[in-house]
Amino acid sequence: MRVFDRATLRRRRDRAAGGFPVHDFLVRRAGEDIVERIAGVNRDFEVAADLGAHRGALREAMAEAALPAGKIGTLVSADLSAAMLAHAAGPRIVADEEALPFAAQSLNLVTSILSLHWVNDLPGTLIQIRRALKPDGLFVAALFGGETLRELRQSISEAEIECEGGLSPRVSPFADLRDMGGLLQRAGFALPVADTDRVTVRYADPLRLMAELRGMGETNALTERRRTPLRRGTLMRAAEIYRETFGLPDGRVPATFDIVVVTGWAPHESQQKPLAPGSAETRLADALGTVERNAGGKTPR
């Protein structure tokens, strides 16, 4: 099942490429987070790839953070949109995250900044990334998840039901934070970690939010989307519901973006491994300074 129409996504990104710097604040925020995490790793990365690079998001974040020379050697920017990549510096390649062009064990670092939430087979893409990494290579990615655009989703759904008597797919489904660690493990990554950066952005009105999403290249690319635009009456009613339900005292409206950041390592024998059950040399009760109690039993006097 193909949830997303990747050809439509490419056209959305092509259209947004020229004006993207006006709308890239979330990409820049996620990029800064990822670069900070990379800077905290005590090693250099000889060859790296940034998937869904937009206009060179990782390279721009590196420049702003002034990473030490050699921290990341050769950096290849990859994106579905040639129009986006036309603005990127350094080595670049038009590539689909669903069919990566990198050889096995050819990369020391793989990043992705707000792009993988558009992948149809996320577990399959994660497996490809893990295979492209050298042993002990690092993967760091940020993608929209969880409650992203919950206000918009609710408002449009209620408006469509009220005005048109039905409901059509309008906003993409997003991966849940609780699922991401499990997906990394299934893909063969070691030491997986996932956390969320929740960002609330305030807009003058819901239509400004929709225009922002268009500028980001993040508008509807669902395969089952309705091919006709939202009716004007339904759109105005959705904006009205948005303001009524979520409006702030100052007249503005909030939009929630959950940025899920995941890290994982390609397995290597030098990495820490969990101890085998029963291998502990010290009792937990002794470490805590308390009395051990058997399940269902009574505390000894």
Protein backbone atom coordinates (compact mmCIF):
# COMPACT_ATOMS: atom_id res chain seq x y z
CA MET A 1 0.00 0.00 0.00
CA ARG A 2 1.42 3.37 -1.05
CA VAL A 3 0.13 6.03 1.31
CA PHE A 4 2.08 8.85 -0.34
CA ASP A 5 2.27 9.93 -3.97
CA ARG A 6 6.00 10.55 -4.32
CA ALA A 7 5.66 12.18 -7.77
CA THR A 8 3.28 14.73 -6.28
CA LEU A 9 5.66 15.27 -3.36
CA ARG A 10 8.46 16.00 -5.83
CA ARG A 11 6.30 18.57 -7.63
CA ARG A 12 5.40 20.17 -4.29
CA ARG A 13 9.09 20.51 -3.42
CA ASP A 14 9.99 21.77 -6.88
CA ARG A 15 7.35 24.48 -6.54
CA ALA A 16 8.55 25.47 -3.06
CA ALA A 17 12.28 25.47 -3.87
CA GLY A 18 12.68 29.11 -4.92
CA GLY A 19 11.02 30.67 -1.88
CA PHE A 20 11.95 28.00 0.63
CA PRO A 21 14.28 30.17 2.78
CA VAL A 22 11.23 32.24 3.84
CA HIS A 23 9.56 29.12 5.25
CA ASP A 24 12.44 26.90 6.40
CA PHE A 25 12.46 27.78 10.11
CA LEU A 26 11.51 24.27 11.24
CA VAL A 27 14.13 22.67 8.98
CA ARG A 28 16.74 25.06 10.40
CA ARG A 29 15.66 24.26 13.97
CA ALA A 30 15.85 20.50 13.37
CA GLY A 31 19.17 20.90 11.57
CA GLU A 32 20.67 22.77 14.50
CA ASP A 33 19.53 19.99 16.85
CA ILE A 34 21.08 17.28 14.67
CA VAL A 35 24.38 19.13 14.27
CA GLU A 36 24.54 19.64 18.04
CA ARG A 37 24.14 15.90 18.56
CA ILE A 38 26.83 15.14 15.99
CA ALA A 39 29.17 17.63 17.64
CA GLY A 40 28.75 15.75 20.92
CA VAL A 41 30.03 12.49 19.43
CA ASN A 42 33.74 12.03 20.03
CA ARG A 43 34.69 11.04 16.49
CA ASP A 44 34.96 12.34 12.94
CA PHE A 45 32.81 11.15 10.03
CA GLU A 46 34.71 10.74 6.80
CA VAL A 47 31.78 10.29 4.41
CA ALA A 48 28.22 11.44 5.16
CA ALA A 49 24.90 11.66 3.30
CA ASP A 50 22.01 13.99 4.06
CA LEU A 51 18.74 12.45 2.80
CA GLY A 52 15.92 14.78 1.85
CA ALA A 53 18.45 17.60 2.05
CA HIS A 54 16.16 20.33 0.69
CA ARG A 55 18.56 23.18 -0.24
CA GLY A 56 21.47 21.66 1.71
CA ALA A 57 19.99 21.75 5.21
CA LEU A 58 22.76 19.90 7.03
CA ARG A 59 25.58 21.82 5.35
CA GLU A 60 23.91 25.11 6.28
CA ALA A 61 23.46 23.99 9.90
CA MET A 62 27.12 22.91 10.02
CA ALA A 63 28.25 26.31 8.81
CA GLU A 64 26.16 28.13 11.40
CA ALA A 65 27.43 25.89 14.19
CA ALA A 66 31.05 26.25 13.04
CA LEU A 67 31.81 22.53 13.43
CA PRO A 68 35.56 21.77 13.73
CA ALA A 69 37.30 21.16 10.43
CA GLY A 70 37.21 17.47 9.57
CA LYS A 71 34.29 16.63 11.84
CA ILE A 72 32.37 15.75 8.70
CA GLY A 73 34.50 15.13 5.63
CA THR A 74 32.71 14.54 2.33
CA LEU A 75 29.02 15.42 2.61
CA VAL A 76 26.61 14.33 -0.14
CA SER A 77 23.24 16.12 -0.26
CA ALA A 78 20.44 13.93 -1.66
CA ASP A 79 16.86 14.97 -2.40
CA LEU A 80 13.90 13.89 -4.49
CA SER A 81 13.68 17.43 -5.91
CA ALA A 82 16.30 18.60 -8.41
CA ALA A 83 14.96 22.15 -7.99
CA MET A 84 15.77 22.05 -4.27
CA LEU A 85 19.24 20.61 -4.88
CA ALA A 86 20.01 23.31 -7.45
CA HIS A 87 20.49 25.65 -4.47
CA ALA A 88 22.71 23.25 -2.47
CA ALA A 89 26.48 23.49 -2.32
CA GLY A 90 28.96 20.61 -2.59
CA PRO A 91 28.34 17.06 -3.89
CA ARG A 92 24.67 16.36 -4.51
CA ILE A 93 22.51 13.69 -6.05
CA VAL A 94 18.83 13.48 -6.98
CA ALA A 95 17.68 10.39 -5.12
CA ASP A 96 14.55 8.85 -3.66
CA GLU A 97 14.77 7.81 0.00
CA GLU A 98 12.78 4.71 -0.93
CA ALA A 99 15.57 3.49 -3.26
CA LEU A 100 18.91 4.72 -1.95
CA PRO A 101 21.83 4.75 -4.42
CA PHE A 102 24.59 4.19 -1.84
CA ALA A 103 26.68 1.02 -1.70
CA ALA A 104 26.70 -1.20 1.36
CA GLN A 105 28.99 0.01 4.15
CA SER A 106 29.98 3.14 2.22
CA LEU A 107 28.95 5.85 4.70
CA ASN A 108 30.07 6.84 8.19
CA LEU A 109 27.09 9.10 8.86
CA VAL A 110 23.54 9.42 7.50
CA THR A 111 21.23 12.28 8.43
CA SER A 112 17.76 13.35 7.37
CA ILE A 113 16.03 16.61 8.29
CA LEU A 114 12.22 16.64 8.08
CA SER A 115 11.83 14.36 5.09
CA LEU A 116 11.36 10.73 6.15
CA HIS A 117 7.74 11.27 7.26
CA TRP A 118 6.90 11.17 3.52
CA VAL A 119 8.35 7.67 3.00
CA ASN A 120 5.83 4.90 2.25
CA ASP A 121 7.92 2.03 3.65
CA LEU A 122 9.77 3.58 6.58
CA PRO A 123 11.07 0.23 7.93
CA GLY A 124 12.42 -0.60 4.47
CA THR A 125 14.16 2.77 4.17
CA LEU A 126 15.70 2.37 7.63
CA ILE A 127 17.06 -1.04 6.60
CA GLN A 128 18.62 0.53 3.49
CA ILE A 129 20.21 3.25 5.62
CA ARG A 130 21.62 0.73 8.09
CA ARG A 131 23.11 -1.33 5.23
CA ALA A 132 24.71 1.79 3.71
CA LEU A 133 26.45 2.59 6.99
CA LYS A 134 29.82 1.20 7.88
CA PRO A 135 29.98 -0.77 11.15
CA ASP A 136 29.62 1.69 14.04
CA GLY A 137 28.27 4.33 11.63
CA LEU A 138 25.75 6.84 12.96
CA PHE A 139 22.22 7.62 11.80
CA VAL A 140 20.47 10.79 13.02
CA ALA A 141 17.14 11.99 11.66
CA ALA A 142 14.33 14.39 12.42
CA LEU A 143 10.81 13.84 11.09
CA PHE A 144 7.35 15.12 11.84
CA GLY A 145 5.39 12.84 14.14
CA GLY A 146 2.74 12.50 16.81
CA GLU A 147 0.47 15.50 17.22
CA THR A 148 1.79 17.50 14.26
CA LEU A 149 -0.94 19.76 12.83
CA ARG A 150 -3.56 18.25 15.12
CA GLU A 151 -5.50 21.53 15.13
CA LEU A 152 -5.65 21.68 11.34
CA ARG A 153 -6.60 18.02 11.03
CA GLN A 154 -9.48 18.38 13.46
CA SER A 155 -10.79 21.61 11.94
CA ILE A 156 -10.78 20.40 8.33
CA SER A 157 -12.38 17.07 9.29
CA GLU A 158 -15.22 18.77 11.17
CA ALA A 159 -15.77 21.26 8.34
CA GLU A 160 -15.91 18.57 5.65
CA ILE A 161 -18.36 16.46 7.61
CA GLU A 162 -20.54 19.49 8.33
CA CYS A 163 -20.45 21.08 4.86
CA GLU A 164 -20.09 18.10 2.54
CA GLY A 165 -21.38 15.16 4.55
CA GLY A 166 -18.17 13.18 4.20
CA LEU A 167 -14.48 13.07 4.91
CA SER A 168 -11.44 12.88 2.60
CA PRO A 169 -7.75 12.42 3.45
CA ARG A 170 -6.24 15.88 3.85
CA VAL A 171 -3.36 15.70 6.32
CA SER A 172 -0.65 13.03 6.37
CA PRO A 173 -0.46 10.39 9.11
CA PHE A 174 2.62 10.74 11.29
CA ALA A 175 4.78 8.17 13.08
CA ASP A 176 4.39 7.96 16.84
CA LEU A 177 7.37 8.51 19.13
CA ARG A 178 6.66 5.18 20.85
CA ASP A 179 6.98 3.37 17.52
CA MET A 180 10.25 4.88 16.33
CA GLY A 181 12.60 3.06 18.73
CA GLY A 182 11.00 -0.24 17.75
CA LEU A 183 11.34 0.57 14.04
CA LEU A 184 15.06 1.28 14.50
CA GLN A 185 15.53 -2.06 16.28
CA ARG A 186 13.61 -3.91 13.56
CA ALA A 187 15.91 -2.33 10.98
CA GLY A 188 18.97 -3.66 12.81
CA PHE A 189 20.20 -0.49 14.52
CA ALA A 190 21.97 -0.70 17.86
CA LEU A 191 21.49 1.69 20.79
CA PRO A 192 18.32 3.33 19.37
CA VAL A 193 17.07 6.55 20.95
CA ALA A 194 14.01 8.67 20.09
CA ASP A 195 12.74 11.91 21.60
CA THR A 196 10.40 14.75 20.63
CA ASP A 197 10.80 18.50 20.28
CA ARG A 198 7.29 20.01 20.36
CA VAL A 199 7.06 23.39 18.66
CA THR A 200 3.97 25.59 18.80
CA VAL A 201 3.85 28.28 16.12
CA ARG A 202 1.33 31.12 16.23
CA TYR A 203 -0.28 32.47 13.06
CA ALA A 204 -2.53 35.45 12.38
CA ASP A 205 -5.16 33.07 10.98
CA PRO A 206 -5.45 29.47 9.71
CA LEU A 207 -5.06 30.56 6.08
CA ARG A 208 -1.58 31.87 6.89
CA LEU A 209 -0.68 28.42 8.23
CA MET A 210 -1.89 26.78 5.03
CA ALA A 211 0.18 29.20 2.96
CA GLU A 212 3.20 28.39 5.13
CA LEU A 213 2.76 24.66 4.52
CA ARG A 214 2.65 25.33 0.79
CA GLY A 215 5.88 27.33 1.07
CA MET A 216 7.48 24.44 2.97
CA GLY A 217 6.48 21.94 0.27
CA GLU A 218 4.48 20.10 2.94
CA THR A 219 0.97 20.19 1.47
CA ASN A 220 -1.18 17.14 0.79
CA ALA A 221 0.56 14.39 -1.20
CA LEU A 222 -1.57 11.46 -0.06
CA THR A 223 -2.28 8.90 -2.77
CA GLU A 224 -5.98 8.76 -1.81
CA ARG A 225 -6.39 12.54 -1.59
CA ARG A 226 -9.32 14.16 -3.34
CA ARG A 227 -8.07 15.63 -6.61
CA THR A 228 -10.28 18.73 -6.43
CA PRO A 229 -9.39 21.64 -4.12
CA LEU A 230 -11.25 22.12 -0.87
CA ARG A 231 -14.46 24.03 -1.58
CA ARG A 232 -14.31 27.68 -0.59
CA GLY A 233 -17.26 27.34 1.78
CA THR A 234 -15.67 24.31 3.46
CA LEU A 235 -12.32 26.10 3.68
CA MET A 236 -13.89 29.16 5.33
CA ARG A 237 -15.81 26.95 7.75
CA ALA A 238 -12.59 25.06 8.63
CA ALA A 239 -10.87 28.37 9.38
CA GLU A 240 -13.84 29.41 11.51
CA ILE A 241 -13.78 26.13 13.48
CA TYR A 242 -10.01 26.49 13.92
CA ARG A 243 -10.41 29.96 15.45
CA GLU A 244 -13.38 28.94 17.61
CA THR A 245 -11.72 25.79 18.97
CA PHE A 246 -8.07 26.75 19.24
CA GLY A 247 -7.97 30.57 19.01
CA LEU A 248 -5.73 32.42 21.45
CA PRO A 249 -6.73 35.52 23.48
CA ASP A 250 -4.74 37.78 21.14
CA GLY A 251 -6.72 36.56 18.11
CA ARG A 252 -3.93 34.39 16.70
CA VAL A 253 -4.11 30.60 16.27
CA PRO A 254 -1.56 27.94 17.28
CA ALA A 255 -0.16 25.16 15.12
CA THR A 256 1.57 22.19 16.74
CA PHE A 257 4.61 20.53 15.17
CA ASP A 258 6.13 17.46 16.84
CA ILE A 259 9.70 16.96 15.61
CA VAL A 260 10.75 13.40 16.44
CA VAL A 261 14.54 13.01 16.52
CA VAL A 262 15.98 9.48 16.30
CA THR A 263 19.51 8.16 16.55
CA GLY A 264 20.89 4.70 15.98
CA TRP A 265 24.20 3.00 15.24
CA ALA A 266 25.15 0.34 12.73
CA PRO A 267 26.15 -2.65 14.90
CA HIS A 268 29.79 -3.11 15.85
CA GLU A 269 31.49 -5.44 18.33
CA SER A 270 32.92 -2.50 20.29
CA GLN A 271 29.47 -1.19 21.26
CA GLN A 272 27.98 -1.64 24.71
CA LYS A 273 25.71 -4.65 25.06
CA PRO A 274 23.13 -5.44 27.74
CA LEU A 275 24.24 -7.93 30.39
CA ALA A 276 22.77 -11.41 30.28
CA PRO A 277 19.94 -12.06 32.77
CA GLY A 278 21.28 -13.27 36.11
CA SER A 279 24.82 -11.99 35.52
CA ALA A 280 24.68 -9.20 38.12
CA GLU A 281 27.29 -9.43 40.90
CA THR A 282 25.52 -7.10 43.35
CA ARG A 283 21.98 -7.37 44.71
CA LEU A 284 19.72 -4.41 43.86
CA ALA A 285 18.43 -4.39 47.44
CA ASP A 286 21.97 -3.87 48.74
CA ALA A 287 22.58 -1.02 46.32
CA LEU A 288 19.35 0.68 47.41
CA GLY A 289 19.89 -0.04 51.11
CA THR A 290 16.53 -1.75 51.48
CA VAL A 291 15.11 -5.17 52.33
CA GLU A 292 14.54 -7.64 49.51
CA ARG A 293 10.99 -8.95 49.30
CA ASN A 294 9.77 -11.88 47.24
CA ALA A 295 6.71 -11.31 45.09
CA GLY A 296 3.65 -12.37 47.04
CA GLY A 297 5.65 -12.95 50.22
CA LYS A 298 6.00 -11.06 53.46
CA THR A 299 8.83 -8.80 54.45
CA PRO A 300 11.05 -10.71 56.91
CA ARG A 301 11.25 -9.29 60.43
